[in-house]
Amino acid sequence: MIKKINLGILFGGKSAEHEISLRSAKNIVEAVDTSRHTITLIGIDKTGIWHLCPPDLFETHTGEPDSIDIKNLGNILFLRPGGDDGMNIRLEDNPAETIPLDVVFPILHGTFGEDGTIQGLLKLMNLPFVGAGVTGSAIGMDKDVMKRLLKESNIPIARFLCLHKSEIDSLTYEKAAGILGSVFFIKPVNCGSSVGVNKVTNAQEFKEAVREAFTYDTKIIIEEMIFGREIECSVLGNNDPIASVPGEIILNDMFYTYKAKYIDSDGVTLELPAKLSPGLIEKIKEYAIRTFKVLCCEGMARVDFFLKENNEIIINEINTIPGFTPISMYPQLWELTDISYTQLISELVRLALLRYEEERKIETSFDRKEQP
């Protein structure tokens, strides 16, 4: 009899995308192959405290998973870094009892989950985990660093400016418009899911958008508006990744909002797959894989594109922990590429364990006594 893999689903978190994480976690739990995996639910409340949640958590909150109050649902956990037994999570009121995890799926969108912080913690705890490592996560989250690396690699991006909070008085709408055009977007550098993103067309909107973006980060980007189709492509793998068929987002709102991405599909129409020529499909898949590799990603990512009227391709950004809600593009694109939701979760777990075994072979200490 094959031993089941004990899969920890890590969700919630301190970010502005806490509720979306709950929706994603619910769908992952429902898709897991229970003949091959057992599930341990670990929720992080909005203060950052970890809780062991009941196994039927999402069954009892089927209708509104984003209303779950993690703080009042489970035993508090504490973490013990180091060790080789893989059992580094313990109950606060019974430290002798460990949570025996084989691998962790961190479905934590945004700050403290997608930016390399949780990945670094899991590495210190000697636990395999799904998705990009510390470097890929941090780069993918920081839109400024991400775009500069893509530009250095001759991957096409939109023109942009970066503004630190200490420089808030150095840039006006008129200066930005002179460089980027009269219509542009303002975004926090380290947020996802369109949180804090605003379209700007005048000086008053500029001031309000800058103020809002700086409530979510200490660094923001101002990016030119690209007129074109919005295309997304999913990537899966470690050293030799593959890309899905692309999909298209057809907006009914002025841009792809937080609500349209995860909650209410009325603001957007998904064209799955995107209606593109075979040549363009292959070019988009090639760019998606190149972007994934340049940004040091592993496991999974979704790459977002703009396709201009002349078929020029512009990379918008990468998302290293894409949404897994019922209307999220990442799993839907793999289903169109003949990888079911359940197969996708199993493959992501396999990739996480494979990377962990490869990394264990790397020397991390230096014995001076053995040196000549």
Protein backbone atom coordinates (compact mmCIF):
# COMPACT_ATOMS: atom_id res chain seq x y z
CA MET A 1 0.00 0.00 0.00
CA ILE A 2 1.42 3.40 -1.04
CA LYS A 3 1.86 5.84 1.84
CA LYS A 4 -0.24 8.95 1.42
CA ILE A 5 1.46 12.35 1.23
CA ASN A 6 0.46 14.62 4.10
CA LEU A 7 -0.24 17.91 2.35
CA GLY A 8 -0.53 21.08 4.42
CA ILE A 9 -2.71 23.77 2.86
CA LEU A 10 -1.51 27.14 4.19
CA PHE A 11 -3.99 29.97 3.66
CA GLY A 12 -5.32 33.29 4.93
CA GLY A 13 -2.49 35.62 5.92
CA LYS A 14 -2.01 39.30 6.77
CA SER A 15 -2.30 40.71 3.25
CA ALA A 16 -5.11 42.67 1.63
CA GLU A 17 -5.88 39.47 -0.32
CA HIS A 18 -6.75 37.38 2.77
CA GLU A 19 -10.29 36.59 1.63
CA ILE A 20 -9.18 35.52 -1.86
CA SER A 21 -6.74 33.11 -0.26
CA LEU A 22 -9.68 31.44 1.52
CA ARG A 23 -11.53 30.99 -1.77
CA SER A 24 -8.45 29.54 -3.45
CA ALA A 25 -7.77 27.18 -0.54
CA LYS A 26 -11.34 25.88 -0.63
CA ASN A 27 -11.04 24.97 -4.31
CA ILE A 28 -7.66 23.30 -3.86
CA VAL A 29 -9.03 21.19 -1.00
CA GLU A 30 -11.95 20.09 -3.17
CA ALA A 31 -9.61 19.17 -6.05
CA VAL A 32 -6.98 17.18 -4.09
CA ASP A 33 -6.70 13.48 -4.93
CA THR A 34 -7.54 12.03 -1.51
CA SER A 35 -6.40 8.57 -2.58
CA ARG A 36 -2.84 9.97 -2.69
CA HIS A 37 -2.94 12.80 -0.15
CA THR A 38 -4.20 13.56 3.32
CA ILE A 39 -4.90 17.21 4.07
CA THR A 40 -3.95 19.38 7.02
CA LEU A 41 -5.52 22.84 7.05
CA ILE A 42 -3.40 25.63 8.49
CA GLY A 43 -4.94 29.09 8.55
CA ILE A 44 -3.06 32.31 9.27
CA ASP A 45 -5.32 34.95 10.75
CA LYS A 46 -5.10 38.65 9.95
CA THR A 47 -2.74 39.28 12.86
CA GLY A 48 -0.28 36.65 11.56
CA ILE A 49 -1.03 33.89 14.10
CA TRP A 50 -1.10 30.31 12.76
CA HIS A 51 -4.04 28.01 13.58
CA LEU A 52 -4.72 24.32 13.01
CA CYS A 53 -8.16 24.39 11.41
CA PRO A 54 -10.79 21.63 11.47
CA PRO A 55 -10.68 19.27 8.47
CA ASP A 56 -14.30 20.05 7.55
CA LEU A 57 -13.69 23.81 7.58
CA PHE A 58 -14.69 24.42 3.97
CA GLU A 59 -17.55 21.93 4.02
CA THR A 60 -19.21 23.97 6.76
CA HIS A 61 -18.49 27.26 4.97
CA THR A 62 -19.36 26.25 1.41
CA GLY A 63 -21.29 29.37 0.46
CA GLU A 64 -19.02 32.10 1.82
CA PRO A 65 -15.48 30.85 2.45
CA ASP A 66 -14.16 34.41 2.60
CA SER A 67 -16.25 35.03 5.74
CA ILE A 68 -14.31 32.44 7.79
CA ASP A 69 -12.83 33.87 10.97
CA ILE A 70 -9.65 31.81 11.30
CA LYS A 71 -8.83 33.38 14.66
CA ASN A 72 -11.73 31.64 16.36
CA LEU A 73 -11.56 28.27 14.61
CA GLY A 74 -8.51 26.31 15.67
CA ASN A 75 -5.63 25.55 18.00
CA ILE A 76 -2.75 27.99 17.87
CA LEU A 77 0.44 26.60 16.33
CA PHE A 78 4.06 27.51 16.83
CA LEU A 79 7.01 26.83 14.55
CA ARG A 80 10.35 25.19 15.25
CA PRO A 81 12.99 26.00 12.61
CA GLY A 82 15.58 23.38 11.68
CA GLY A 83 15.64 19.63 12.10
CA ASP A 84 15.41 16.83 9.57
CA ASP A 85 12.21 15.13 10.66
CA GLY A 86 9.91 17.46 8.71
CA MET A 87 7.72 17.87 11.80
CA ASN A 88 8.42 21.46 12.69
CA ILE A 89 4.91 22.69 13.46
CA ARG A 90 3.60 22.09 16.96
CA LEU A 91 0.50 22.81 19.02
CA GLU A 92 0.93 25.68 21.45
CA ASP A 93 -0.92 23.94 24.30
CA ASN A 94 0.80 20.58 23.69
CA PRO A 95 4.37 21.13 22.41
CA ALA A 96 5.05 17.39 22.38
CA GLU A 97 2.50 16.95 19.59
CA THR A 98 3.82 17.74 16.12
CA ILE A 99 2.01 18.24 12.82
CA PRO A 100 3.68 15.71 10.46
CA LEU A 101 3.70 17.50 7.11
CA ASP A 102 5.41 16.10 4.01
CA VAL A 103 4.84 19.17 1.84
CA VAL A 104 3.11 22.55 2.12
CA PHE A 105 0.94 24.32 -0.45
CA PRO A 106 1.11 28.03 0.48
CA ILE A 107 -1.91 29.59 -1.18
CA LEU A 108 -1.20 32.99 0.36
CA HIS A 109 -1.81 35.79 -2.12
CA GLY A 110 -0.01 39.10 -1.78
CA THR A 111 2.23 40.48 0.96
CA PHE A 112 3.75 37.98 3.44
CA GLY A 113 2.73 35.07 1.22
CA GLU A 114 3.81 35.72 -2.33
CA ASP A 115 6.85 37.90 -1.73
CA GLY A 116 9.38 35.31 -0.52
CA THR A 117 8.79 35.75 3.21
CA ILE A 118 6.78 32.57 3.79
CA GLN A 119 9.02 30.68 1.36
CA GLY A 120 12.09 31.61 3.41
CA LEU A 121 10.36 30.52 6.61
CA LEU A 122 9.39 27.15 5.13
CA LYS A 123 12.97 26.60 3.96
CA LEU A 124 14.24 27.33 7.48
CA MET A 125 11.71 24.81 8.77
CA ASN A 126 13.03 22.22 6.31
CA LEU A 127 9.63 21.78 4.69
CA PRO A 128 9.08 21.26 0.94
CA PHE A 129 6.59 23.71 -0.54
CA VAL A 130 4.70 24.31 -3.78
CA GLY A 131 5.64 27.21 -6.03
CA ALA A 132 8.53 29.58 -6.50
CA GLY A 133 11.34 29.80 -3.97
CA VAL A 134 12.55 32.87 -2.11
CA THR A 135 14.24 34.56 -5.08
CA GLY A 136 11.52 33.94 -7.67
CA SER A 137 8.77 34.95 -5.25
CA ALA A 138 10.48 38.20 -4.24
CA ILE A 139 11.27 39.17 -7.84
CA GLY A 140 7.80 38.28 -9.09
CA MET A 141 6.16 40.36 -6.37
CA ASP A 142 8.30 43.46 -6.86
CA LYS A 143 7.00 44.95 -10.11
CA ASP A 144 9.91 47.39 -10.31
CA VAL A 145 12.65 44.74 -10.04
CA MET A 146 10.66 42.33 -12.22
CA LYS A 147 10.28 44.82 -15.06
CA ARG A 148 13.93 45.87 -14.94
CA LEU A 149 15.05 42.22 -15.21
CA LEU A 150 12.69 41.60 -18.12
CA LYS A 151 13.96 44.71 -19.88
CA GLU A 152 17.56 43.58 -19.34
CA SER A 153 16.64 40.24 -20.97
CA ASN A 154 15.09 41.95 -24.03
CA ILE A 155 11.59 40.84 -23.09
CA PRO A 156 9.12 43.59 -24.12
CA ILE A 157 7.45 45.55 -21.31
CA ALA A 158 5.45 48.77 -21.02
CA ARG A 159 7.21 52.03 -20.17
CA PHE A 160 7.10 52.80 -16.45
CA LEU A 161 8.39 55.03 -13.67
CA CYS A 162 9.13 53.99 -10.10
CA LEU A 163 8.45 56.33 -7.18
CA HIS A 164 9.56 55.85 -3.56
CA LYS A 165 7.52 57.35 -0.74
CA SER A 166 10.34 59.75 0.12
CA GLU A 167 10.10 61.12 -3.44
CA ILE A 168 6.34 61.75 -3.37
CA ASP A 169 6.70 65.48 -4.08
CA SER A 170 9.15 65.05 -6.94
CA LEU A 171 6.64 63.86 -9.55
CA THR A 172 3.51 65.55 -10.84
CA TYR A 173 0.83 64.37 -13.22
CA GLU A 174 2.23 66.68 -15.90
CA LYS A 175 5.74 65.21 -15.61
CA ALA A 176 4.47 61.64 -15.70
CA ALA A 177 2.15 62.37 -18.64
CA GLY A 178 5.06 63.89 -20.55
CA ILE A 179 6.89 60.57 -20.33
CA LEU A 180 4.09 57.99 -20.39
CA GLY A 181 1.20 59.72 -22.12
CA SER A 182 -1.90 61.36 -20.67
CA VAL A 183 -3.51 58.09 -19.51
CA PHE A 184 -1.62 55.68 -17.27
CA PHE A 185 -1.95 53.34 -14.28
CA ILE A 186 -0.61 53.74 -10.76
CA LYS A 187 0.08 50.57 -8.76
CA PRO A 188 1.69 49.57 -5.47
CA VAL A 189 4.90 47.71 -6.33
CA ASN A 190 4.32 44.77 -3.99
CA CYS A 191 0.59 44.08 -4.23
CA GLY A 192 -1.37 41.79 -6.50
CA SER A 193 -5.00 41.18 -7.48
CA SER A 194 -5.40 44.80 -8.63
CA VAL A 195 -5.32 46.02 -5.01
CA GLY A 196 -4.57 49.75 -4.93
CA VAL A 197 -4.49 50.03 -8.73
CA ASN A 198 -6.04 53.09 -10.40
CA LYS A 199 -6.34 54.46 -13.90
CA VAL A 200 -5.28 58.11 -14.05
CA THR A 201 -6.31 60.74 -16.61
CA ASN A 202 -5.78 64.06 -14.78
CA ALA A 203 -3.92 65.78 -11.94
CA GLN A 204 -6.60 65.23 -9.31
CA GLU A 205 -6.85 61.51 -10.07
CA PHE A 206 -3.05 61.38 -9.97
CA LYS A 207 -2.91 62.75 -6.41
CA GLU A 208 -5.64 60.40 -5.18
CA ALA A 209 -4.14 57.34 -6.89
CA VAL A 210 -0.65 58.06 -5.52
CA ARG A 211 -2.06 58.47 -2.02
CA GLU A 212 -4.02 55.20 -2.25
CA ALA A 213 -1.11 53.21 -3.72
CA PHE A 214 1.18 54.39 -0.93
CA THR A 215 -1.23 53.01 1.67
CA TYR A 216 -0.26 49.52 0.44
CA ASP A 217 3.48 49.97 -0.16
CA THR A 218 6.44 52.33 0.21
CA LYS A 219 7.22 52.11 -3.51
CA ILE A 220 4.82 52.50 -6.44
CA ILE A 221 5.03 52.30 -10.21
CA ILE A 222 3.42 54.55 -12.78
CA GLU A 223 2.92 52.62 -15.99
CA GLU A 224 1.79 53.65 -19.45
CA MET A 225 -1.60 52.42 -20.61
CA ILE A 226 -1.30 49.80 -23.33
CA PHE A 227 -4.23 49.60 -25.70
CA GLY A 228 -4.68 45.99 -26.67
CA ARG A 229 -6.08 42.60 -25.81
CA GLU A 230 -5.35 41.10 -22.37
CA ILE A 231 -3.91 37.59 -22.69
CA GLU A 232 -2.86 35.20 -19.93
CA CYS A 233 -0.80 32.02 -20.05
CA SER A 234 -0.12 29.46 -17.30
CA VAL A 235 3.32 27.93 -16.72
CA LEU A 236 4.10 24.68 -14.88
CA GLY A 237 7.43 23.05 -14.04
CA ASN A 238 10.84 23.51 -12.46
CA ASN A 239 13.91 23.35 -14.72
CA ASP A 240 12.01 22.48 -17.89
CA PRO A 241 8.63 24.27 -17.62
CA ILE A 242 5.71 23.99 -20.02
CA ALA A 243 3.08 26.56 -20.96
CA SER A 244 -0.68 26.17 -21.32
CA VAL A 245 -2.84 27.41 -24.15
CA PRO A 246 -3.44 31.17 -23.68
CA GLY A 247 -6.74 32.67 -22.59
CA GLU A 248 -8.14 36.15 -23.12
CA ILE A 249 -9.78 38.55 -20.70
CA ILE A 250 -12.43 40.73 -22.34
CA LEU A 251 -13.21 43.61 -20.00
CA ASN A 252 -16.64 45.00 -19.29
CA ASP A 253 -15.11 47.35 -16.67
CA MET A 254 -12.32 49.85 -17.39
CA PHE A 255 -9.69 47.37 -16.18
CA TYR A 256 -9.38 43.94 -14.59
CA THR A 257 -10.48 44.73 -11.04
CA TYR A 258 -10.09 42.73 -7.82
CA LYS A 259 -13.81 41.95 -7.89
CA ALA A 260 -13.81 40.79 -11.50
CA LYS A 261 -10.78 38.55 -10.95
CA TYR A 262 -12.13 36.56 -8.04
CA ILE A 263 -15.69 37.27 -7.00
CA ASP A 264 -18.07 38.55 -9.67
CA SER A 265 -17.53 37.52 -13.28
CA ASP A 266 -20.02 40.13 -14.57
CA GLY A 267 -17.18 42.62 -15.05
CA VAL A 268 -15.26 40.36 -17.40
CA THR A 269 -15.67 37.72 -20.09
CA LEU A 270 -13.10 34.93 -20.35
CA GLU A 271 -12.33 33.68 -23.86
CA LEU A 272 -10.98 30.17 -23.28
CA PRO A 273 -8.89 29.49 -25.22
CA ALA A 274 -8.02 32.85 -26.74
CA LYS A 275 -8.80 33.22 -30.44
CA LEU A 276 -5.28 33.58 -31.80
CA SER A 277 -3.35 32.30 -34.78
CA PRO A 278 -1.17 29.22 -34.20
CA GLY A 279 1.92 31.39 -34.66
CA LEU A 280 0.85 33.89 -32.00
CA ILE A 281 -0.07 31.09 -29.58
CA GLU A 282 3.41 29.61 -29.86
CA LYS A 283 5.05 33.02 -29.49
CA ILE A 284 3.04 33.80 -26.34
CA LYS A 285 3.89 30.39 -24.85
CA GLU A 286 7.56 30.96 -25.65
CA TYR A 287 7.52 34.38 -23.96
CA ALA A 288 5.70 32.92 -20.94
CA ILE A 289 8.40 30.28 -20.45
CA ARG A 290 11.21 32.81 -21.00
CA THR A 291 9.66 35.15 -18.44
CA PHE A 292 9.27 32.29 -15.96
CA LYS A 293 12.94 31.36 -16.31
CA VAL A 294 14.36 34.91 -16.30
CA LEU A 295 12.49 35.66 -13.08
CA CYS A 296 13.83 32.49 -11.39
CA CYS A 297 10.40 30.91 -10.92
CA GLU A 298 9.58 27.30 -10.12
CA GLY A 299 6.47 25.19 -9.79
CA MET A 300 3.78 27.48 -11.11
CA ALA A 301 3.10 30.97 -12.38
CA ARG A 302 0.68 32.87 -14.59
CA VAL A 303 2.14 35.33 -17.07
CA ASP A 304 -0.04 38.25 -18.17
CA PHE A 305 0.33 39.91 -21.57
CA PHE A 306 -1.00 42.75 -23.67
CA LEU A 307 -1.44 42.04 -27.37
CA LYS A 308 -1.48 45.25 -29.43
CA GLU A 309 -3.45 45.70 -32.66
CA ASN A 310 -0.28 45.13 -34.71
CA ASN A 311 0.27 41.81 -32.83
CA GLU A 312 3.11 43.26 -30.77
CA ILE A 313 3.37 41.34 -27.48
CA ILE A 314 3.97 43.20 -24.20
CA ILE A 315 4.56 41.34 -20.92
CA ASN A 316 2.54 42.95 -18.13
CA GLU A 317 3.56 40.89 -15.09
CA ILE A 318 3.95 37.45 -13.54
CA ASN A 319 1.91 36.01 -10.68
CA THR A 320 3.79 33.31 -8.74
CA ILE A 321 0.78 32.25 -6.64
CA PRO A 322 -2.10 32.63 -9.08
CA GLY A 323 -5.69 32.41 -7.95
CA PHE A 324 -7.40 29.05 -7.63
CA THR A 325 -10.95 30.37 -7.26
CA PRO A 326 -13.77 29.01 -9.50
CA ILE A 327 -13.22 31.80 -12.05
CA SER A 328 -9.41 31.93 -11.88
CA MET A 329 -7.52 31.55 -15.14
CA TYR A 330 -4.57 29.44 -13.99
CA PRO A 331 -6.38 26.10 -13.40
CA GLN A 332 -8.88 26.72 -16.20
CA LEU A 333 -6.09 27.11 -18.78
CA TRP A 334 -4.54 23.81 -17.68
CA GLU A 335 -7.87 22.05 -18.02
CA LEU A 336 -7.96 23.30 -21.61
CA THR A 337 -4.44 21.87 -21.99
CA ASP A 338 -5.67 18.44 -20.83
CA ILE A 339 -4.44 18.66 -17.23
CA SER A 340 -7.38 18.39 -14.85
CA TYR A 341 -7.63 20.38 -11.63
CA THR A 342 -6.86 17.25 -9.59
CA GLN A 343 -3.91 16.28 -11.81
CA LEU A 344 -2.60 19.85 -11.54
CA ILE A 345 -2.52 19.77 -7.73
CA SER A 346 -0.78 16.38 -7.75
CA GLU A 347 1.82 17.61 -10.25
CA LEU A 348 2.52 20.76 -8.21
CA VAL A 349 3.10 18.60 -5.13
CA ARG A 350 5.40 16.30 -7.12
CA LEU A 351 7.42 19.27 -8.38
CA ALA A 352 7.76 20.63 -4.85
CA LEU A 353 9.08 17.32 -3.52
CA LEU A 354 11.43 16.92 -6.49
CA ARG A 355 12.96 20.38 -5.94
CA TYR A 356 13.33 19.66 -2.22
CA GLU A 357 15.26 16.45 -2.91
CA GLU A 358 17.51 18.25 -5.40
CA GLU A 359 18.24 21.05 -2.93
CA ARG A 360 19.11 18.58 -0.18
CA LYS A 361 22.06 17.43 -2.28
CA ILE A 362 23.59 20.92 -2.22
CA GLU A 363 26.34 21.47 0.32
CA THR A 364 25.35 24.16 2.81
CA SER A 365 28.38 23.98 5.13
CA PHE A 366 32.13 24.22 4.74
CA ASP A 367 34.46 22.02 6.80
CA ARG A 368 37.79 23.85 7.03
CA LYS A 369 39.46 20.88 8.72
CA GLU A 370 39.15 18.85 5.52
CA GLN A 371 40.82 21.52 3.39
CA PRO A 372 44.52 21.09 2.46
